[in-house]
Amino acid sequence: MVNPTRVLPLILSLSFFLIASASKVTYNVQNFGAKPDGKTDSTEAFLGAWAAACASTKSAMINVPVGRYLVGGASFWGQKCKNKSITMRIYGTLVAPSNYNTLANTGNWLKFERVNGLTIAGGTLDGQGASLWACKTSGKNCPGGASTLAFYNSNNVVVSGLTSLNSQLFHIIIDGCQNTKIEKTRISASATSPNTDGIHIQGSSGVSILGSSIGTGDDCISIGPGTSNVWVENVSCGPGHGISIGSLGWALQEAGVQNVTVKTTTLRGTQNGLRIKTWARPSNGFVNGVLFQNSIMVNVRFPIIIDQSYCPNSNSCPGQASGVKISGVTYQDIHGTSAFPVAVKIDCSRQFPCSRIRLQDVNLTYNNKPATASCFNAAGTASGYVQPSGCL
């Protein structure tokens, strides 16, 4: 005899599954004309699928099947979306035009603006940036190029399981956004590719970057003005310029950076490790409340660096002091090897010295010997085992 107390929950679970499935509508980009041959321009097909998903009052899935899809510069606008739950599930690869002049004046290849409740899951984005890199490194007058994936003034965005290859410029931009999560993402470009930051954040709050691998020709992660409440965890970086707060302080009136946590990271062969960088110019900007914790350095040129004398080519800043005020920065459990004798370099503003800088349990070596440290205009404390010592 069947026990009705066991059957009823099964019926209810099945009913819930059927209702949930019926409430989500799927749009296949191939049904809008996308061709998975890597040659046919499928831009309008992707925009058509996006428009349909936005017009739906039900949760929507944009399905990108296996294949290579050539997509030109595409802007996905969200201000008129009725839908606040759209998932773009990518099984294939989106390919940028091979001629970089096609995107020369766009600034971004795939742009999402004023969207709310978007998830991009899986797939590969191939920016095909190598020809533009070659042009730039040759010294020719080249177009600006385009960043691969950009989110502007958007809320509640998740990027999960994505691979970004060979971006012309930045791989991912987060600008003016609230509550953004980047997880299980792989970013890759040549060590010699110029201006190919992995993830750039500015003017945003509530950003988390988790369980990701980033290797580029510029910063793995860069954090710009007006950014707060950032959480970076379980990230590997290299090649590249490291994980950087800055450059800050170019503008006289500039929003600050606060409440940033970077923990459980590995940096291999990078130019810098954990960096804060500001222009040597007047500014009302600030950096406050930063925790760098549990980082492994493998042959990193400057594992710990604060640089407030940034003035490349003595352009627009010679002889000036940075106005950015830096305080409340902790380096905790940072260990490994430096590629340069000076493993800790803290060079702060002579006008506004750094305050509350804390080194705790730091162990950095150079050529199997203790590394050295250099500090200017910095006040703080050292505790636990700190090597190199004598800086604070």
Protein backbone atom coordinates (compact mmCIF):
# COMPACT_ATOMS: atom_id res chain seq x y z
CA MET A 1 0.00 0.00 0.00
CA VAL A 2 1.38 3.43 -0.96
CA ASN A 3 2.01 5.77 1.94
CA PRO A 4 0.15 9.05 1.13
CA THR A 5 2.50 11.03 3.40
CA ARG A 6 5.35 10.18 1.00
CA VAL A 7 3.44 10.69 -2.24
CA LEU A 8 2.15 14.15 -1.43
CA PRO A 9 5.61 15.81 -1.11
CA LEU A 10 6.64 14.23 -4.43
CA ILE A 11 3.55 15.61 -6.13
CA LEU A 12 4.16 19.06 -4.66
CA SER A 13 7.84 19.01 -5.72
CA LEU A 14 6.93 17.97 -9.26
CA SER A 15 4.27 20.66 -9.45
CA PHE A 16 6.73 23.31 -8.29
CA PHE A 17 9.27 22.16 -10.89
CA LEU A 18 6.71 22.32 -13.70
CA ILE A 19 5.53 25.76 -12.61
CA ALA A 20 9.12 27.08 -12.37
CA SER A 21 9.99 25.64 -15.78
CA ALA A 22 6.89 27.12 -17.35
CA SER A 23 7.66 30.53 -15.88
CA LYS A 24 11.04 30.83 -17.67
CA VAL A 25 11.14 31.49 -21.40
CA THR A 26 14.18 30.65 -23.56
CA TYR A 27 15.43 32.55 -26.60
CA ASN A 28 17.95 30.75 -28.82
CA VAL A 29 20.14 33.19 -30.73
CA GLN A 30 20.13 30.86 -33.73
CA ASN A 31 16.38 31.36 -34.02
CA PHE A 32 17.12 35.07 -34.50
CA GLY A 33 19.58 34.38 -37.30
CA ALA A 34 22.90 33.79 -35.51
CA LYS A 35 25.27 31.50 -37.44
CA PRO A 36 27.84 29.40 -35.54
CA ASP A 37 30.42 29.57 -38.32
CA GLY A 38 32.61 32.37 -36.93
CA LYS A 39 32.24 34.32 -40.20
CA THR A 40 28.64 35.51 -40.51
CA ASP A 41 27.91 38.72 -38.61
CA SER A 42 25.48 37.72 -35.86
CA THR A 43 25.27 41.07 -34.09
CA GLU A 44 21.63 41.73 -34.95
CA ALA A 45 20.65 38.23 -33.88
CA PHE A 46 22.10 38.77 -30.40
CA LEU A 47 20.44 42.18 -30.12
CA GLY A 48 17.15 40.64 -31.25
CA ALA A 49 17.33 37.92 -28.61
CA TRP A 50 18.13 40.57 -26.01
CA ALA A 51 15.14 42.71 -27.05
CA ALA A 52 12.83 39.71 -26.79
CA ALA A 53 14.16 38.79 -23.34
CA CYS A 54 13.74 42.38 -22.16
CA ALA A 55 10.16 42.49 -23.40
CA SER A 56 9.25 39.33 -21.48
CA THR A 57 7.64 39.65 -18.08
CA LYS A 58 8.90 36.14 -17.20
CA SER A 59 12.43 35.14 -16.27
CA ALA A 60 14.31 34.74 -19.54
CA MET A 61 17.19 32.64 -20.82
CA ILE A 62 19.22 33.69 -23.86
CA ASN A 63 20.78 30.48 -25.14
CA VAL A 64 24.02 30.59 -27.16
CA PRO A 65 24.65 27.04 -28.45
CA VAL A 66 28.03 25.52 -29.23
CA GLY A 67 29.82 27.22 -32.12
CA ARG A 68 31.70 30.40 -32.97
CA TYR A 69 29.64 33.56 -33.40
CA LEU A 70 31.04 36.69 -34.99
CA VAL A 71 29.64 39.69 -33.13
CA GLY A 72 30.50 43.31 -33.91
CA GLY A 73 30.20 46.14 -31.41
CA ALA A 74 26.95 45.49 -29.52
CA SER A 75 25.21 47.61 -26.86
CA PHE A 76 22.65 45.83 -24.69
CA TRP A 77 20.45 48.47 -23.06
CA GLY A 78 18.39 47.72 -19.98
CA GLN A 79 16.54 50.92 -19.11
CA LYS A 80 13.37 49.77 -20.91
CA CYS A 81 13.56 46.13 -19.81
CA LYS A 82 10.45 44.74 -18.19
CA ASN A 83 12.57 41.81 -17.07
CA LYS A 84 14.82 41.84 -14.01
CA SER A 85 15.95 38.23 -14.38
CA ILE A 86 17.82 37.50 -17.62
CA THR A 87 20.45 34.78 -18.00
CA MET A 88 22.71 34.65 -21.03
CA ARG A 89 23.94 31.05 -21.11
CA ILE A 90 26.89 30.71 -23.47
CA TYR A 91 28.01 27.26 -24.59
CA GLY A 92 29.98 28.54 -27.58
CA THR A 93 32.45 31.34 -28.34
CA LEU A 94 31.73 34.95 -29.25
CA VAL A 95 34.39 36.32 -31.59
CA ALA A 96 35.23 39.99 -32.16
CA PRO A 97 35.99 41.25 -35.69
CA SER A 98 39.56 40.41 -36.68
CA ASN A 99 40.08 43.94 -38.07
CA TYR A 100 40.50 46.15 -35.00
CA ASN A 101 39.40 49.21 -36.98
CA THR A 102 35.86 47.80 -36.90
CA LEU A 103 35.64 48.59 -33.17
CA ALA A 104 38.04 51.55 -33.20
CA ASN A 105 35.48 54.19 -32.21
CA THR A 106 33.24 52.10 -29.97
CA GLY A 107 35.36 51.86 -26.81
CA ASN A 108 33.65 48.60 -25.91
CA TRP A 109 32.93 45.41 -27.79
CA LEU A 110 30.05 44.04 -25.68
CA LYS A 111 28.43 46.72 -23.53
CA PHE A 112 25.61 46.29 -21.02
CA GLU A 113 24.17 49.54 -19.70
CA ARG A 114 21.47 50.17 -17.09
CA VAL A 115 20.65 46.48 -16.76
CA ASN A 116 19.26 44.97 -13.56
CA GLY A 117 19.32 41.28 -12.71
CA LEU A 118 21.63 39.87 -15.40
CA THR A 119 23.65 36.64 -15.28
CA ILE A 120 26.23 35.71 -17.91
CA ALA A 121 27.18 32.07 -17.50
CA GLY A 122 29.91 30.05 -19.20
CA GLY A 123 31.31 30.44 -22.67
CA THR A 124 34.30 32.20 -24.20
CA LEU A 125 34.78 35.75 -25.45
CA ASP A 126 37.63 36.11 -27.94
CA GLY A 127 38.59 39.76 -28.43
CA GLN A 128 41.19 38.99 -31.12
CA GLY A 129 43.39 41.80 -29.88
CA ALA A 130 46.79 40.58 -31.06
CA SER A 131 46.87 42.73 -34.22
CA LEU A 132 46.11 45.90 -32.24
CA TRP A 133 48.79 45.02 -29.66
CA ALA A 134 51.31 44.62 -32.48
CA CYS A 135 50.32 48.00 -33.91
CA LYS A 136 50.73 49.71 -30.54
CA THR A 137 54.06 48.14 -29.71
CA SER A 138 55.40 49.10 -33.15
CA GLY A 139 55.02 52.79 -32.29
CA LYS A 140 52.49 53.47 -35.03
CA ASN A 141 49.47 55.74 -34.60
CA CYS A 142 46.83 53.12 -33.79
CA PRO A 143 43.12 53.44 -32.93
CA GLY A 144 42.12 53.24 -29.30
CA GLY A 145 40.65 49.74 -29.43
CA ALA A 146 37.75 48.27 -27.47
CA SER A 147 37.34 46.61 -24.10
CA THR A 148 35.72 43.19 -24.24
CA LEU A 149 32.87 43.24 -21.70
CA ALA A 150 31.63 46.39 -19.99
CA PHE A 151 28.89 47.04 -17.44
CA TYR A 152 27.78 50.62 -16.89
CA ASN A 153 25.28 51.89 -14.30
CA SER A 154 23.96 48.38 -13.74
CA ASN A 155 22.76 46.48 -10.68
CA ASN A 156 22.76 42.85 -9.56
CA VAL A 157 25.03 41.43 -12.27
CA VAL A 158 26.69 37.99 -12.06
CA VAL A 159 29.40 36.70 -14.40
CA SER A 160 30.18 33.02 -13.77
CA GLY A 161 32.39 30.51 -15.54
CA LEU A 162 33.35 32.89 -18.35
CA THR A 163 36.63 32.82 -20.30
CA SER A 164 37.92 36.07 -21.81
CA LEU A 165 40.78 35.81 -24.29
CA ASN A 166 42.98 38.37 -26.01
CA SER A 167 41.01 41.53 -25.32
CA GLN A 168 42.03 44.61 -27.30
CA LEU A 169 41.86 46.67 -24.09
CA PHE A 170 40.36 45.88 -20.67
CA HIS A 171 38.73 42.47 -20.42
CA ILE A 172 35.95 43.41 -17.98
CA ILE A 173 34.87 46.91 -16.90
CA ILE A 174 32.55 47.58 -13.96
CA ASP A 175 31.63 51.27 -13.85
CA GLY A 176 28.83 52.88 -11.83
CA CYS A 177 27.44 49.52 -10.74
CA GLN A 178 25.94 48.09 -7.55
CA ASN A 179 26.20 44.45 -6.43
CA THR A 180 28.34 42.76 -9.07
CA LYS A 181 29.84 39.28 -8.76
CA ILE A 182 32.59 37.85 -10.97
CA GLU A 183 33.30 34.21 -10.17
CA LYS A 184 35.11 31.21 -11.66
CA THR A 185 36.33 33.39 -14.51
CA ARG A 186 39.50 32.94 -16.56
CA ILE A 187 41.13 35.94 -18.22
CA SER A 188 44.11 35.55 -20.51
CA ALA A 189 46.24 37.80 -22.71
CA SER A 190 49.92 38.01 -23.60
CA ALA A 191 52.32 39.43 -21.03
CA THR A 192 53.31 42.01 -23.65
CA SER A 193 49.77 43.12 -24.50
CA PRO A 194 49.39 46.82 -23.60
CA ASN A 195 46.47 48.13 -21.52
CA THR A 196 44.74 44.78 -21.20
CA ASP A 197 43.65 45.05 -17.55
CA GLY A 198 41.80 41.95 -16.41
CA ILE A 199 39.00 43.51 -14.33
CA HIS A 200 38.70 47.26 -13.85
CA ILE A 201 36.32 48.69 -11.23
CA GLN A 202 35.40 52.32 -10.67
CA GLY A 203 32.48 54.29 -9.26
CA SER A 204 30.97 51.05 -8.00
CA SER A 205 30.00 49.39 -4.72
CA GLY A 206 29.44 45.82 -3.63
CA VAL A 207 31.79 44.11 -6.09
CA SER A 208 33.13 40.61 -5.45
CA ILE A 209 35.71 38.71 -7.51
CA LEU A 210 35.98 35.07 -6.50
CA GLY A 211 37.83 31.94 -7.56
CA SER A 212 39.30 33.37 -10.76
CA SER A 213 42.52 33.21 -12.76
CA ILE A 214 43.85 36.34 -14.46
CA GLY A 215 46.92 36.80 -16.65
CA THR A 216 47.37 39.92 -18.79
CA GLY A 217 49.81 42.58 -19.93
CA ASP A 218 48.54 45.10 -17.36
CA ASP A 219 46.83 45.02 -13.95
CA CYS A 220 45.07 41.77 -13.14
CA ILE A 221 42.58 43.81 -11.10
CA SER A 222 42.52 47.61 -11.01
CA ILE A 223 40.35 49.60 -8.61
CA GLY A 224 39.63 53.20 -9.56
CA PRO A 225 38.06 56.27 -7.91
CA GLY A 226 34.67 56.12 -6.20
CA THR A 227 34.83 52.42 -5.40
CA SER A 228 33.77 50.88 -2.09
CA ASN A 229 32.97 47.52 -0.50
CA VAL A 230 35.10 45.31 -2.75
CA TRP A 231 35.85 41.68 -1.90
CA VAL A 232 38.54 39.76 -3.82
CA GLU A 233 39.22 36.14 -2.79
CA ASN A 234 40.91 33.05 -4.22
CA VAL A 235 42.38 34.81 -7.24
CA SER A 236 45.59 33.92 -9.07
CA CYS A 237 47.40 36.67 -10.98
CA GLY A 238 50.18 36.42 -13.53
CA PRO A 239 51.52 37.56 -15.82
CA GLY A 240 50.59 41.20 -15.35
CA HIS A 241 51.13 44.24 -13.17
CA GLY A 242 49.51 42.78 -10.07
CA ILE A 243 46.44 43.82 -8.07
CA SER A 244 46.23 47.58 -7.92
CA ILE A 245 44.24 50.34 -6.26
CA GLY A 246 44.79 53.21 -8.68
CA SER A 247 45.89 55.17 -10.50
CA LEU A 248 44.15 57.72 -8.28
CA GLY A 249 44.35 61.48 -7.94
CA TRP A 250 44.49 62.66 -11.54
CA ALA A 251 41.51 64.95 -10.93
CA LEU A 252 41.42 67.67 -8.29
CA GLN A 253 37.90 66.64 -7.24
CA GLU A 254 37.81 62.86 -7.04
CA ALA A 255 35.82 60.30 -5.07
CA GLY A 256 37.82 58.03 -2.76
CA VAL A 257 38.30 54.28 -2.37
CA GLN A 258 37.29 52.51 0.83
CA ASN A 259 36.52 49.12 2.36
CA VAL A 260 38.54 46.84 0.09
CA THR A 261 39.50 43.27 1.05
CA VAL A 262 41.93 41.21 -1.03
CA LYS A 263 42.60 37.78 0.45
CA THR A 264 43.95 34.36 -0.46
CA THR A 265 45.71 35.38 -3.66
CA THR A 266 48.72 34.06 -5.56
CA LEU A 267 50.84 36.34 -7.74
CA ARG A 268 53.43 34.80 -10.07
CA GLY A 269 56.05 36.73 -12.00
CA THR A 270 54.11 39.98 -11.88
CA GLN A 271 55.58 43.47 -12.05
CA ASN A 272 53.91 44.38 -8.75
CA GLY A 273 52.12 42.45 -6.06
CA LEU A 274 49.66 44.42 -3.93
CA ARG A 275 49.84 48.05 -5.02
CA ILE A 276 48.30 51.42 -4.25
CA LYS A 277 49.24 54.04 -6.86
CA THR A 278 48.43 57.74 -7.00
CA TRP A 279 49.45 60.59 -9.27
CA ALA A 280 51.82 63.18 -7.82
CA ARG A 281 49.19 65.90 -8.27
CA PRO A 282 46.83 67.89 -6.03
CA SER A 283 43.60 65.99 -5.31
CA ASN A 284 41.01 65.55 -2.59
CA GLY A 285 40.89 61.76 -3.10
CA PHE A 286 41.52 59.18 -0.40
CA VAL A 287 42.11 55.48 0.30
CA ASN A 288 40.85 54.09 3.59
CA GLY A 289 40.11 50.68 5.07
CA VAL A 290 42.11 48.22 2.94
CA LEU A 291 43.05 44.68 3.99
CA PHE A 292 45.54 42.62 1.97
CA GLN A 293 45.56 39.18 3.58
CA ASN A 294 47.09 35.76 2.95
CA SER A 295 48.95 36.34 -0.31
CA ILE A 296 51.68 34.21 -1.87
CA MET A 297 54.30 35.97 -3.99
CA VAL A 298 56.36 34.01 -6.51
CA ASN A 299 59.19 36.04 -8.06
CA VAL A 300 57.25 39.33 -7.90
CA ARG A 301 59.22 42.52 -8.54
CA PHE A 302 57.57 44.67 -5.84
CA PRO A 303 55.38 42.42 -3.64
CA ILE A 304 54.18 45.31 -1.41
CA ILE A 305 54.15 48.79 -2.89
CA ILE A 306 52.56 52.16 -2.25
CA ASP A 307 53.58 54.62 -4.94
CA GLN A 308 52.44 58.21 -4.48
CA SER A 309 55.11 59.65 -6.76
CA TYR A 310 53.59 58.35 -9.99
CA CYS A 311 54.49 60.78 -12.77
CA PRO A 312 55.36 58.95 -16.00
CA ASN A 313 57.52 60.96 -18.37
CA SER A 314 57.25 63.93 -15.94
CA ASN A 315 53.96 64.82 -17.63
CA SER A 316 51.64 67.29 -15.81
CA CYS A 317 53.05 66.54 -12.38
CA PRO A 318 56.79 67.26 -11.94
CA GLY A 319 57.72 68.58 -8.53
CA GLN A 320 54.21 68.18 -7.12
CA ALA A 321 52.96 66.05 -4.24
CA SER A 322 50.01 63.71 -4.23
CA GLY A 323 46.92 65.01 -2.51
CA VAL A 324 45.42 61.53 -2.03
CA LYS A 325 45.25 60.67 1.67
CA ILE A 326 46.04 57.01 2.42
CA SER A 327 45.18 55.52 5.82
CA GLY A 328 44.16 52.25 7.41
CA VAL A 329 45.96 49.79 5.11
CA THR A 330 46.90 46.35 6.49
CA TYR A 331 49.23 43.76 4.94
CA GLN A 332 48.71 40.49 6.82
CA ASP A 333 50.28 37.09 6.14
CA ILE A 334 52.12 38.08 2.96
CA HIS A 335 54.95 35.70 2.07
CA GLY A 336 57.03 34.41 -0.80
CA THR A 337 59.81 35.64 -3.07
CA SER A 338 60.69 39.00 -4.56
CA ALA A 339 62.40 39.48 -7.92
CA PHE A 340 64.01 42.69 -6.65
CA PRO A 341 66.02 43.34 -3.47
CA VAL A 342 63.44 45.87 -2.19
CA ALA A 343 60.36 43.77 -1.50
CA VAL A 344 58.46 46.39 0.53
CA LYS A 345 58.36 49.87 -0.98
CA ILE A 346 56.10 52.40 0.72
CA ASP A 347 56.58 55.82 -0.86
CA CYS A 348 53.89 58.18 0.44
CA SER A 349 53.02 61.81 -0.19
CA ARG A 350 55.27 64.35 1.48
CA GLN A 351 52.25 66.65 1.84
CA PHE A 352 49.88 64.00 3.23
CA PRO A 353 51.92 61.15 4.74
CA CYS A 354 50.31 57.71 4.95
CA SER A 355 48.90 56.80 8.36
CA ARG A 356 47.89 53.58 10.09
CA ILE A 357 49.90 51.35 7.77
CA ARG A 358 50.17 47.90 9.34
CA LEU A 359 52.53 45.05 8.50
CA GLN A 360 51.71 41.76 10.24
CA ASP A 361 53.35 38.39 9.62
CA VAL A 362 55.19 39.34 6.45
CA ASN A 363 57.99 37.10 5.16
CA LEU A 364 59.55 38.04 1.81
CA THR A 365 62.92 36.90 0.51
CA TYR A 366 65.18 37.74 -2.43
CA ASN A 367 67.57 35.14 -3.86
CA ASN A 368 67.10 32.97 -0.75
CA LYS A 369 68.17 35.88 1.45
CA PRO A 370 66.18 38.43 3.44
CA ALA A 371 64.81 41.19 1.22
CA THR A 372 64.94 44.86 2.16
CA ALA A 373 62.30 47.52 2.78
CA SER A 374 62.01 51.21 1.97
CA CYS A 375 59.51 53.61 3.58
CA PHE A 376 59.05 57.36 3.11
CA ASN A 377 56.45 59.58 4.75
CA ALA A 378 54.65 56.61 6.31
CA ALA A 379 53.49 55.95 9.87
CA GLY A 380 52.22 52.68 11.21
CA THR A 381 53.09 49.48 13.06
CA ALA A 382 54.71 46.11 12.48
CA SER A 383 53.75 43.01 14.45
CA GLY A 384 54.42 39.30 14.41
CA TYR A 385 57.28 38.08 12.25
CA VAL A 386 58.05 40.83 9.72
CA GLN A 387 60.84 40.36 7.21
CA PRO A 388 62.08 42.66 5.75
CA SER A 389 61.98 44.65 8.98
CA GLY A 390 62.78 48.19 10.07
CA CYS A 391 60.44 49.99 7.69
CA LEU A 392 57.70 51.14 10.08
